[in-house]
Protein backbone atom coordinates (compact mmCIF):
# COMPACT_ATOMS: atom_id res chain seq x y z
CA MET A 1 18.71 14.12 47.60
CA GLU A 2 15.75 12.16 46.29
CA ILE A 3 16.31 13.46 42.76
CA PHE A 4 18.97 10.77 42.24
CA GLN A 5 16.75 7.88 43.32
CA ASP A 6 16.58 5.17 40.62
CA LYS A 7 18.57 7.31 38.18
CA THR A 8 21.42 5.93 36.07
CA ALA A 9 24.73 7.76 36.27
CA ILE A 10 28.16 7.25 34.73
CA VAL A 11 31.10 8.72 36.67
CA THR A 12 34.46 8.84 34.90
CA GLY A 13 37.50 8.87 37.15
CA GLY A 14 35.21 7.14 39.62
CA ALA A 15 37.85 5.02 41.35
CA SER A 16 39.39 7.76 43.49
CA GLY A 17 39.14 11.33 44.75
CA ILE A 18 36.12 13.40 43.84
CA GLY A 19 34.94 10.72 41.41
CA LYS A 20 34.85 8.12 44.15
CA GLY A 21 33.03 10.58 46.40
CA LEU A 22 30.43 11.19 43.68
CA CYS A 23 29.90 7.44 43.23
CA GLU A 24 29.46 6.90 46.96
CA VAL A 25 27.03 9.77 47.50
CA LEU A 26 25.04 8.89 44.37
CA GLY A 27 24.88 5.25 45.45
CA ARG A 28 23.67 6.14 48.94
CA ASN A 29 20.95 8.25 47.37
CA GLY A 30 19.58 5.39 45.29
CA ALA A 31 21.28 5.89 41.95
CA ASN A 32 22.48 3.11 39.69
CA VAL A 33 26.16 3.99 39.31
CA VAL A 34 28.65 3.04 36.60
CA VAL A 35 32.13 3.48 38.09
CA ALA A 36 34.33 4.15 35.07
CA ASP A 37 38.09 4.45 35.47
CA LEU A 38 41.37 3.52 33.83
CA ASN A 39 42.25 1.80 37.13
CA ASP A 40 39.72 -1.00 36.88
CA GLU A 41 40.88 -2.74 40.06
CA ASP A 42 40.08 0.27 42.23
CA ALA A 43 36.88 0.85 40.25
CA LYS A 44 35.80 -2.68 41.13
CA LYS A 45 36.49 -2.00 44.81
CA VAL A 46 34.32 1.13 44.75
CA ALA A 47 31.51 -0.71 42.98
CA ALA A 48 31.76 -3.69 45.34
CA ALA A 49 31.57 -1.45 48.41
CA LEU A 50 28.44 0.20 47.02
CA GLN A 51 26.87 -3.20 46.32
CA GLU A 52 27.69 -4.45 49.82
CA SER A 53 25.91 -1.44 51.32
CA GLY A 54 22.80 -2.18 49.28
CA GLY A 55 23.49 0.07 46.31
CA ARG A 56 23.55 -0.67 42.61
CA ALA A 57 26.86 -0.26 40.87
CA GLU A 58 29.15 -1.75 38.25
CA ALA A 59 32.77 -1.09 37.38
CA VAL A 60 34.03 -0.47 33.86
CA LYS A 61 37.59 0.07 32.67
CA LEU A 62 37.67 3.25 30.61
CA ASP A 63 40.36 5.38 29.01
CA VAL A 64 38.65 8.72 28.40
CA THR A 65 41.18 9.58 25.69
CA VAL A 66 39.71 6.87 23.44
CA GLU A 67 36.60 8.37 21.85
CA GLU A 68 35.20 5.06 20.60
CA ASP A 69 35.33 3.53 24.07
CA VAL A 70 33.68 6.54 25.71
CA ARG A 71 30.90 6.57 23.12
CA ALA A 72 30.39 2.81 23.42
CA LEU A 73 30.05 3.02 27.22
CA VAL A 74 27.52 5.86 27.03
CA GLU A 75 25.41 4.13 24.38
CA LYS A 76 25.55 0.72 26.10
CA THR A 77 24.61 2.18 29.50
CA ALA A 78 21.64 4.01 27.98
CA ALA A 79 20.51 0.89 26.11
CA ASP A 80 20.90 -1.46 29.08
CA ASN A 81 19.02 0.83 31.47
CA GLY A 82 16.45 2.35 29.14
CA LYS A 83 18.04 5.79 29.47
CA LEU A 84 21.05 7.70 30.78
CA ASP A 85 20.14 10.28 33.39
CA TYR A 86 23.57 11.64 34.36
CA LEU A 87 27.05 11.69 32.96
CA PHE A 88 29.77 13.00 35.27
CA ASN A 89 32.87 13.82 33.19
CA ASN A 90 35.22 13.82 36.14
CA ALA A 91 38.45 12.09 35.04
CA GLY A 92 41.45 14.39 35.02
CA ILE A 93 45.20 14.73 35.56
CA GLY A 94 47.44 17.52 36.82
CA ILE A 95 50.72 19.06 35.74
CA GLY A 96 52.53 21.61 37.89
CA GLY A 97 55.46 23.89 37.22
CA GLU A 98 56.37 26.87 35.08
CA VAL A 99 55.50 26.98 31.39
CA GLN A 100 59.12 27.77 30.49
CA ASP A 101 60.08 24.27 31.68
CA MET A 102 57.35 22.38 29.78
CA ASP A 103 57.46 20.88 26.32
CA LEU A 104 54.68 20.04 23.89
CA ASP A 105 54.28 16.51 25.24
CA HIS A 106 53.15 17.88 28.60
CA TRP A 107 50.48 20.00 26.92
CA THR A 108 49.32 17.18 24.66
CA ARG A 109 48.98 14.76 27.55
CA ILE A 110 46.86 17.03 29.73
CA VAL A 111 44.69 18.24 26.84
CA ASP A 112 44.01 14.63 25.80
CA VAL A 113 42.63 13.75 29.24
CA ASN A 114 41.20 16.95 30.70
CA GLN A 115 39.85 18.51 27.53
CA TRP A 116 39.27 15.89 24.86
CA GLY A 117 38.13 13.36 27.45
CA VAL A 118 35.37 15.76 28.51
CA VAL A 119 34.49 16.56 24.90
CA TYR A 120 34.15 12.85 24.03
CA GLY A 121 31.88 12.17 26.98
CA THR A 122 29.83 15.30 26.46
CA LEU A 123 29.21 14.68 22.75
CA ALA A 124 28.24 11.05 23.30
CA ALA A 125 25.89 11.79 26.20
CA TYR A 126 24.39 14.89 24.56
CA LYS A 127 23.24 12.91 21.52
CA VAL A 128 21.64 10.28 23.74
CA MET A 129 20.00 12.85 26.01
CA VAL A 130 18.64 14.97 23.15
CA ARG A 131 17.09 11.82 21.75
CA GLN A 132 15.59 11.04 25.19
CA GLY A 133 14.49 14.63 25.76
CA SER A 134 16.12 14.58 29.20
CA GLY A 135 19.39 14.15 31.05
CA HIS A 136 22.09 16.07 32.88
CA ILE A 137 25.75 16.38 31.91
CA VAL A 138 28.02 17.39 34.78
CA ASN A 139 31.61 18.34 33.96
CA THR A 140 34.28 18.65 36.63
CA ALA A 141 36.45 21.70 36.01
CA SER A 142 38.22 23.47 38.88
CA GLY A 143 38.55 26.75 40.70
CA ALA A 144 41.57 27.01 38.39
CA GLY A 145 39.09 27.19 35.54
CA LEU A 146 37.64 30.42 36.92
CA VAL A 147 40.70 32.45 37.92
CA PRO A 148 44.35 32.87 36.90
CA SER A 149 46.36 29.92 38.18
CA PRO A 150 50.13 30.31 37.79
CA LEU A 151 52.14 27.11 38.17
CA LEU A 152 49.03 25.26 36.97
CA THR A 153 48.77 27.05 33.64
CA ALA A 154 48.33 23.98 31.44
CA TYR A 155 45.84 22.47 33.89
CA SER A 156 44.06 25.80 34.21
CA MET A 157 43.77 26.14 30.42
CA THR A 158 41.96 22.80 30.16
CA LYS A 159 39.64 23.68 33.02
CA HIS A 160 38.77 27.09 31.53
CA ALA A 161 37.89 25.19 28.35
CA VAL A 162 35.62 22.85 30.31
CA VAL A 163 33.82 25.84 31.84
CA GLY A 164 33.34 27.38 28.39
CA LEU A 165 32.07 24.12 26.91
CA SER A 166 29.63 23.61 29.76
CA THR A 167 28.13 27.09 29.88
CA GLY A 168 27.75 27.31 26.11
CA LEU A 169 26.17 23.88 25.77
CA ARG A 170 23.85 24.60 28.69
CA ALA A 171 22.14 27.29 26.64
CA GLU A 172 21.83 25.02 23.61
CA GLY A 173 20.46 22.09 25.58
CA ALA A 174 17.90 23.91 27.72
CA GLU A 175 14.99 23.79 25.25
CA LEU A 176 15.88 20.20 24.34
CA GLY A 177 15.51 18.95 27.91
CA VAL A 178 19.24 18.52 28.54
CA ARG A 179 20.82 20.18 31.55
CA VAL A 180 24.53 20.98 31.77
CA SER A 181 26.47 22.01 34.88
CA VAL A 182 30.14 22.52 35.64
CA VAL A 183 31.67 21.85 39.06
CA CYS A 184 34.64 24.01 40.09
CA PRO A 185 36.26 22.57 43.24
CA GLY A 186 38.79 24.48 45.30
CA TYR A 187 41.45 22.83 47.46
CA ILE A 188 40.23 19.25 47.84
CA ASP A 189 42.05 16.37 49.54
CA THR A 190 42.48 13.95 46.61
CA PRO A 191 45.29 11.78 45.18
CA ILE A 192 45.74 14.17 42.23
CA PHE A 193 48.40 16.09 44.16
CA ASP A 194 50.48 12.92 44.46
CA SER A 195 49.79 11.62 40.94
CA SER A 196 50.42 14.94 39.17
CA GLU A 197 53.61 15.51 37.24
CA TYR A 198 55.80 18.33 38.53
CA VAL A 199 58.05 19.67 35.78
CA ASN A 200 61.49 20.80 36.99
CA THR A 201 60.06 21.20 40.47
CA SER A 202 58.51 19.17 43.27
CA LYS A 203 55.14 18.79 44.88
CA GLU A 204 56.48 20.37 48.07
CA THR A 205 57.87 23.44 46.28
CA THR A 206 54.72 23.90 44.23
CA MET A 207 52.43 23.48 47.24
CA SER A 208 54.49 25.97 49.27
CA VAL A 209 52.42 28.79 47.76
CA VAL A 210 49.21 27.42 49.31
CA PRO A 211 48.38 29.44 52.46
CA SER A 212 48.84 27.36 55.60
CA SER A 213 45.45 28.57 56.83
CA LEU A 214 43.70 26.94 53.84
CA LYS A 215 42.44 23.51 54.79
CA ALA A 216 41.68 20.88 52.20
CA MET A 217 38.06 19.75 51.96
CA SER A 218 37.44 16.02 51.88
CA ALA A 219 36.48 14.48 48.54
CA GLU A 220 33.19 13.23 49.99
CA ASP A 221 32.22 16.67 51.29
CA CYS A 222 33.12 18.09 47.89
CA ALA A 223 30.93 15.48 46.19
CA ARG A 224 27.98 16.27 48.45
CA ALA A 225 28.30 20.00 47.77
CA ALA A 226 28.62 19.37 44.04
CA LEU A 227 25.55 17.15 43.96
CA ARG A 228 23.49 19.72 45.85
CA GLY A 229 24.34 22.15 43.07
CA VAL A 230 23.46 19.55 40.44
CA ALA A 231 20.13 18.85 42.13
CA ARG A 232 19.37 22.59 41.93
CA ASN A 233 20.51 22.69 38.30
CA ARG A 234 23.18 25.31 38.93
CA ALA A 235 25.18 26.34 35.88
CA ILE A 236 28.51 26.87 37.66
CA ILE A 237 29.06 25.16 41.00
CA PRO A 238 32.10 26.47 42.92
CA VAL A 239 32.95 24.16 45.82
CA GLN A 240 34.71 25.49 48.92
CA ALA A 241 34.46 29.12 50.04
CA PRO A 242 37.91 30.25 48.76
CA ALA A 243 37.04 29.09 45.22
CA TYR A 244 33.80 31.05 45.32
CA ILE A 245 35.46 34.16 46.75
CA MET A 246 38.31 34.16 44.23
CA TRP A 247 35.82 33.68 41.38
CA TRP A 248 33.86 36.72 42.45
CA LEU A 249 36.98 38.80 43.06
CA ASN A 250 38.23 37.98 39.58
CA ARG A 251 34.89 39.01 38.09
CA LEU A 252 34.66 42.25 40.07
CA ASN A 253 38.28 43.36 39.77
CA PRO A 254 40.67 41.19 37.72
CA ARG A 255 43.61 43.38 38.73
CA ILE A 256 43.36 42.05 42.29
CA MET A 257 43.79 38.47 41.10
CA ASP A 258 46.52 39.52 38.68
CA ALA A 259 48.51 41.08 41.51
CA GLN A 260 47.93 38.04 43.71
CA SER A 261 49.10 35.73 40.92
CA GLN A 262 52.35 37.66 40.57
CA LYS A 263 52.92 37.41 44.33
CA ILE A 264 52.43 33.65 44.10
CA ILE A 265 55.06 33.35 41.37
CA SER A 266 57.54 35.51 43.29
CA LYS A 267 57.10 33.39 46.42
CA TYR A 268 57.41 30.17 44.44
CA ARG A 269 60.63 31.22 42.73
CA GLN A 270 62.13 32.22 46.05
CA VAL A 271 61.28 28.82 47.56
CA ALA A 272 62.57 27.07 44.43
CA ARG A 273 65.91 28.90 44.65
CA GLN A 274 66.27 27.97 48.30
CA ALA A 275 65.46 24.32 47.53
CA ALA A 276 68.01 24.28 44.69
CA ALA A 277 70.68 25.77 46.97
CA LYS A 278 70.14 23.00 49.54
CA ALA A 279 70.23 20.23 46.93
């Protein structure tokens, strides 16, 4: 993907999962990568590995919920490198469980990271890129941002918001030279499943609704697929066949996905009752 050669890119959440995969693939394709993450130790390891393999990278500690810090990083990166070519708003957290068991703190926490974090990065980069007359903002949403996602309702809400932000801004930015894409991964093998908070439930119970035939895609394969879509300037980039299929099913006949969602909840509650009985 020669399009990334000698380009400057910031990747938030770049220390692990899809973010790490994006950093590695970008670095191998000649980009100058800023690995931004709250976990600065792991960010340094990712940057160091890229440098050792001949790439250009630096690590920056970043809390995407702090608007001033996000804006400062975007403006400094653009100033230091002459321009900012790509911003990947990728940092995110997960919360699983039923809405009836959640309180306002759960919603506030996930909105701060998954929604406001993307807004802060997008606004900062958009101003810089409009001034440049070029640039590409890439926001990581989820397949859960395209279809109903019971048990991930709070997460899904933030990801639907990211899709809406991205597609609306894409139209505004087109004549100004700014491209905007949104990546919607499916079932990807990342640490988010372990780091997510499960409210009044467990990871095992929540994941029991995932079909056993569905295999998780590696984060690196996901990153490669996402970057192919970015290189082609796709508006919405579903990654993994099931995410694409469910997106189209939901668009063609929402009742199918509604029925499937209710089946998921019924299965989950049955598994949850069985787990509670054994406890």
